[in-house]
Amino acid sequence: MGFPTHSIFRGGLEAMAGQDKNMDKLNKLVEAEVTSMFEQILDYAQIAVPTEAVYKALRSKILRVGNNCIRNIKSNLKHYDVEYKAVSEDVIEVGKVKN
């Protein structure tokens, strides 16, 4: 006698895969937002800093802090269960074309 095709274990794996997908989506969003923030900071710094040498040193520190921030947030997010709730812009309706 074989195992049933639908089991609690299988359902649990599917839920875990969905959570992983949701977590990946959140990680990408966080990374994009933090990256955007420090790119904008660098744009302002390039204007405000008096010399190229000082800008390069400041740029290096900003990128290091930004990347550390992304890693720390991702590390902390591992302790949460994440569920993505689609907004209306993410919903795609499919219908049959009338002849």
N, C-alpha and C. Protein backbone atom coordinates (compact mmCIF):
# COMPACT_ATOMS: atom_id res chain seq x y z
N MET A 1 0.84 -1.18 0.00
CA MET A 1 0.00 0.00 0.00
C MET A 1 0.88 1.24 0.00
N GLY A 2 0.62 2.18 -0.89
CA GLY A 2 1.43 3.39 -1.00
C GLY A 2 0.97 4.48 -0.05
N PHE A 3 1.77 5.49 0.02
CA PHE A 3 1.42 6.64 0.85
C PHE A 3 0.42 7.52 0.12
N PRO A 4 -0.45 8.19 0.86
CA PRO A 4 -1.41 9.07 0.18
C PRO A 4 -0.68 10.23 -0.48
N THR A 5 -1.23 10.69 -1.59
CA THR A 5 -0.56 11.77 -2.32
C THR A 5 -0.70 13.10 -1.61
N HIS A 6 -1.76 13.27 -0.81
CA HIS A 6 -1.91 14.52 -0.07
C HIS A 6 -1.81 14.20 1.41
N SER A 7 -0.82 14.71 2.05
CA SER A 7 -0.64 14.44 3.46
C SER A 7 -0.37 15.75 4.18
N ILE A 8 -0.43 15.69 5.50
CA ILE A 8 -0.11 16.86 6.30
C ILE A 8 1.34 17.28 6.04
N PHE A 9 2.23 16.30 5.91
CA PHE A 9 3.64 16.60 5.66
C PHE A 9 3.80 17.35 4.35
N ARG A 10 3.14 16.86 3.31
CA ARG A 10 3.24 17.51 1.99
C ARG A 10 2.67 18.93 2.06
N GLY A 11 1.53 19.09 2.71
CA GLY A 11 0.93 20.40 2.88
C GLY A 11 1.86 21.34 3.64
N GLY A 12 2.56 20.80 4.64
CA GLY A 12 3.52 21.60 5.40
C GLY A 12 4.69 22.05 4.54
N LEU A 13 5.15 21.17 3.65
CA LEU A 13 6.25 21.53 2.75
C LEU A 13 5.82 22.61 1.78
N GLU A 14 4.59 22.51 1.29
CA GLU A 14 4.08 23.53 0.37
C GLU A 14 3.97 24.88 1.07
N ALA A 15 3.53 24.87 2.32
CA ALA A 15 3.42 26.11 3.10
C ALA A 15 4.81 26.70 3.33
N MET A 16 5.78 25.84 3.63
CA MET A 16 7.15 26.32 3.85
C MET A 16 7.71 26.92 2.57
N ALA A 17 7.42 26.31 1.43
CA ALA A 17 7.89 26.85 0.15
C ALA A 17 7.27 28.22 -0.10
N GLY A 18 5.99 28.37 0.25
CA GLY A 18 5.33 29.66 0.10
C GLY A 18 5.95 30.71 1.01
N GLN A 19 6.28 30.31 2.25
CA GLN A 19 6.92 31.25 3.18
C GLN A 19 8.30 31.64 2.66
N ASP A 20 9.03 30.69 2.11
CA ASP A 20 10.35 30.99 1.54
C ASP A 20 10.22 32.00 0.40
N LYS A 21 9.22 31.81 -0.44
CA LYS A 21 8.99 32.73 -1.56
C LYS A 21 8.64 34.12 -1.04
N ASN A 22 7.80 34.17 -0.01
CA ASN A 22 7.44 35.46 0.60
C ASN A 22 8.65 36.13 1.24
N MET A 23 9.46 35.33 1.92
CA MET A 23 10.67 35.88 2.57
C MET A 23 11.64 36.39 1.51
N ASP A 24 11.80 35.66 0.42
CA ASP A 24 12.68 36.12 -0.66
C ASP A 24 12.20 37.45 -1.23
N LYS A 25 10.89 37.57 -1.40
CA LYS A 25 10.31 38.81 -1.92
C LYS A 25 10.60 39.96 -0.96
N LEU A 26 10.43 39.74 0.34
CA LEU A 26 10.70 40.77 1.34
C LEU A 26 12.19 41.12 1.38
N ASN A 27 13.06 40.12 1.33
CA ASN A 27 14.50 40.37 1.32
C ASN A 27 14.91 41.23 0.13
N LYS A 28 14.37 40.94 -1.03
CA LYS A 28 14.69 41.72 -2.23
C LYS A 28 14.18 43.16 -2.09
N LEU A 29 12.99 43.32 -1.52
CA LEU A 29 12.43 44.65 -1.32
C LEU A 29 13.29 45.46 -0.35
N VAL A 30 13.67 44.85 0.77
CA VAL A 30 14.50 45.54 1.76
C VAL A 30 15.83 45.93 1.13
N GLU A 31 16.45 45.01 0.41
CA GLU A 31 17.74 45.30 -0.22
C GLU A 31 17.62 46.45 -1.23
N ALA A 32 16.56 46.44 -2.02
CA ALA A 32 16.37 47.50 -3.01
C ALA A 32 16.17 48.86 -2.34
N GLU A 33 15.39 48.90 -1.27
CA GLU A 33 15.12 50.16 -0.58
C GLU A 33 16.37 50.71 0.10
N VAL A 34 17.11 49.86 0.79
CA VAL A 34 18.33 50.31 1.47
C VAL A 34 19.36 50.75 0.43
N THR A 35 19.49 49.99 -0.65
CA THR A 35 20.44 50.35 -1.71
C THR A 35 20.06 51.69 -2.32
N SER A 36 18.78 51.90 -2.56
CA SER A 36 18.33 53.18 -3.10
C SER A 36 18.67 54.32 -2.15
N MET A 37 18.49 54.08 -0.86
CA MET A 37 18.79 55.10 0.12
C MET A 37 20.27 55.48 0.09
N PHE A 38 21.16 54.48 0.12
CA PHE A 38 22.57 54.89 0.17
C PHE A 38 23.08 55.38 -1.17
N GLU A 39 22.43 55.04 -2.29
CA GLU A 39 22.78 55.65 -3.58
C GLU A 39 22.43 57.14 -3.58
N GLN A 40 21.28 57.48 -2.99
CA GLN A 40 20.88 58.88 -2.90
C GLN A 40 21.81 59.66 -1.96
N ILE A 41 22.20 59.02 -0.88
CA ILE A 41 23.15 59.66 0.05
C ILE A 41 24.46 59.94 -0.68
N LEU A 42 24.91 58.99 -1.48
CA LEU A 42 26.16 59.18 -2.23
C LEU A 42 26.03 60.32 -3.24
N ASP A 43 24.86 60.45 -3.85
CA ASP A 43 24.65 61.57 -4.79
C ASP A 43 24.81 62.91 -4.08
N TYR A 44 24.21 63.04 -2.89
CA TYR A 44 24.34 64.28 -2.12
C TYR A 44 25.78 64.48 -1.65
N ALA A 45 26.42 63.41 -1.23
CA ALA A 45 27.78 63.51 -0.72
C ALA A 45 28.74 63.96 -1.82
N GLN A 46 28.52 63.48 -3.03
CA GLN A 46 29.39 63.85 -4.14
C GLN A 46 29.37 65.36 -4.37
N ILE A 47 28.23 65.97 -4.14
CA ILE A 47 28.11 67.42 -4.30
C ILE A 47 28.72 68.16 -3.11
N ALA A 48 28.50 67.62 -1.91
CA ALA A 48 28.87 68.32 -0.68
C ALA A 48 30.34 68.17 -0.29
N VAL A 49 30.98 67.09 -0.73
CA VAL A 49 32.36 66.80 -0.31
C VAL A 49 33.34 67.59 -1.18
N PRO A 50 34.34 68.21 -0.55
CA PRO A 50 35.22 69.12 -1.29
C PRO A 50 36.18 68.48 -2.28
N THR A 51 36.67 67.26 -2.02
CA THR A 51 37.66 66.65 -2.91
C THR A 51 37.28 65.22 -3.26
N GLU A 52 37.83 64.76 -4.37
CA GLU A 52 37.59 63.39 -4.82
C GLU A 52 38.11 62.36 -3.81
N ALA A 53 39.26 62.64 -3.22
CA ALA A 53 39.85 61.70 -2.25
C ALA A 53 38.95 61.54 -1.02
N VAL A 54 38.42 62.65 -0.54
CA VAL A 54 37.53 62.59 0.63
C VAL A 54 36.24 61.87 0.24
N TYR A 55 35.72 62.14 -0.96
CA TYR A 55 34.50 61.48 -1.42
C TYR A 55 34.71 59.96 -1.50
N LYS A 56 35.84 59.53 -2.04
CA LYS A 56 36.09 58.08 -2.16
C LYS A 56 36.12 57.41 -0.79
N ALA A 57 36.74 58.06 0.18
CA ALA A 57 36.79 57.50 1.54
C ALA A 57 35.39 57.44 2.14
N LEU A 58 34.62 58.52 1.98
CA LEU A 58 33.25 58.56 2.50
C LEU A 58 32.38 57.53 1.79
N ARG A 59 32.53 57.40 0.48
CA ARG A 59 31.76 56.44 -0.31
C ARG A 59 31.99 55.02 0.19
N SER A 60 33.24 54.69 0.43
CA SER A 60 33.58 53.37 0.93
C SER A 60 32.89 53.07 2.26
N LYS A 61 32.91 54.04 3.15
CA LYS A 61 32.26 53.85 4.46
C LYS A 61 30.75 53.73 4.32
N ILE A 62 30.14 54.55 3.47
CA ILE A 62 28.69 54.50 3.27
C ILE A 62 28.28 53.15 2.69
N LEU A 63 29.02 52.66 1.69
CA LEU A 63 28.69 51.36 1.10
C LEU A 63 28.86 50.24 2.11
N ARG A 64 29.89 50.30 2.93
CA ARG A 64 30.11 49.27 3.95
C ARG A 64 28.97 49.26 4.96
N VAL A 65 28.59 50.44 5.44
CA VAL A 65 27.50 50.54 6.41
C VAL A 65 26.19 50.07 5.79
N GLY A 66 25.92 50.48 4.56
CA GLY A 66 24.69 50.07 3.88
C GLY A 66 24.61 48.56 3.68
N ASN A 67 25.70 47.97 3.23
CA ASN A 67 25.72 46.51 3.03
C ASN A 67 25.60 45.76 4.36
N ASN A 68 26.23 46.28 5.41
CA ASN A 68 26.09 45.66 6.74
C ASN A 68 24.64 45.75 7.21
N CYS A 69 24.01 46.88 6.95
CA CYS A 69 22.61 47.07 7.31
C CYS A 69 21.72 46.04 6.61
N ILE A 70 21.93 45.85 5.32
CA ILE A 70 21.16 44.86 4.56
C ILE A 70 21.36 43.46 5.16
N ARG A 71 22.60 43.10 5.44
CA ARG A 71 22.87 41.77 6.01
C ARG A 71 22.22 41.61 7.37
N ASN A 72 22.27 42.64 8.21
CA ASN A 72 21.67 42.56 9.55
C ASN A 72 20.15 42.43 9.48
N ILE A 73 19.53 43.19 8.59
CA ILE A 73 18.08 43.09 8.45
C ILE A 73 17.69 41.70 7.97
N LYS A 74 18.39 41.18 6.95
CA LYS A 74 18.08 39.84 6.44
C LYS A 74 18.28 38.78 7.53
N SER A 75 19.30 38.93 8.32
CA SER A 75 19.56 37.99 9.40
C SER A 75 18.44 38.02 10.43
N ASN A 76 17.97 39.20 10.78
CA ASN A 76 16.88 39.33 11.74
C ASN A 76 15.55 38.85 11.18
N LEU A 77 15.34 39.00 9.89
CA LEU A 77 14.08 38.57 9.28
C LEU A 77 13.92 37.05 9.32
N LYS A 78 15.01 36.33 9.47
CA LYS A 78 14.93 34.86 9.53
C LYS A 78 14.12 34.39 10.73
N HIS A 79 13.93 35.26 11.71
CA HIS A 79 13.21 34.90 12.92
C HIS A 79 11.71 35.17 12.81
N TYR A 80 11.25 35.54 11.63
CA TYR A 80 9.84 35.88 11.42
C TYR A 80 9.23 34.99 10.36
N ASP A 81 7.93 34.76 10.51
CA ASP A 81 7.14 34.14 9.45
C ASP A 81 6.56 35.28 8.62
N VAL A 82 6.74 35.21 7.32
CA VAL A 82 6.33 36.29 6.45
C VAL A 82 5.26 35.80 5.49
N GLU A 83 4.21 36.61 5.35
CA GLU A 83 3.16 36.30 4.39
C GLU A 83 2.92 37.54 3.55
N TYR A 84 3.05 37.39 2.25
CA TYR A 84 2.82 38.50 1.33
C TYR A 84 1.33 38.59 1.02
N LYS A 85 0.79 39.78 1.15
CA LYS A 85 -0.61 40.01 0.81
C LYS A 85 -0.63 40.89 -0.42
N ALA A 86 -1.09 40.33 -1.52
CA ALA A 86 -1.08 41.04 -2.80
C ALA A 86 -1.94 42.29 -2.75
N VAL A 87 -1.43 43.33 -3.38
CA VAL A 87 -2.22 44.55 -3.54
C VAL A 87 -2.88 44.50 -4.92
N SER A 88 -3.83 45.36 -5.15
CA SER A 88 -4.61 45.28 -6.39
C SER A 88 -3.74 45.34 -7.64
N GLU A 89 -2.62 46.06 -7.59
CA GLU A 89 -1.76 46.16 -8.76
C GLU A 89 -1.09 44.83 -9.10
N ASP A 90 -1.01 43.93 -8.12
CA ASP A 90 -0.35 42.65 -8.34
C ASP A 90 -1.30 41.56 -8.85
N VAL A 91 -2.58 41.83 -8.88
CA VAL A 91 -3.56 40.83 -9.27
C VAL A 91 -3.74 40.88 -10.79
N ILE A 92 -3.63 39.72 -11.40
CA ILE A 92 -3.81 39.60 -12.84
C ILE A 92 -5.06 38.78 -13.10
N GLU A 93 -6.01 39.36 -13.80
CA GLU A 93 -7.24 38.64 -14.11
C GLU A 93 -7.11 38.07 -15.52
N VAL A 94 -7.54 36.83 -15.64
CA VAL A 94 -7.49 36.14 -16.93
C VAL A 94 -8.91 35.72 -17.27
N GLY A 95 -9.31 36.03 -18.47
CA GLY A 95 -10.65 35.64 -18.90
C GLY A 95 -10.61 35.13 -20.33
N LYS A 96 -11.68 34.50 -20.72
CA LYS A 96 -11.78 33.96 -22.07
C LYS A 96 -12.16 35.07 -23.02
N VAL A 97 -11.52 35.12 -24.17
CA VAL A 97 -11.81 36.12 -25.18
C VAL A 97 -13.10 35.71 -25.90
N LYS A 98 -14.03 36.65 -25.99
CA LYS A 98 -15.30 36.37 -26.69
C LYS A 98 -15.10 36.55 -28.18
N ASN A 99 -15.62 35.61 -28.95
CA ASN A 99 -15.53 35.67 -30.43
C ASN A 99 -16.68 36.41 -31.02
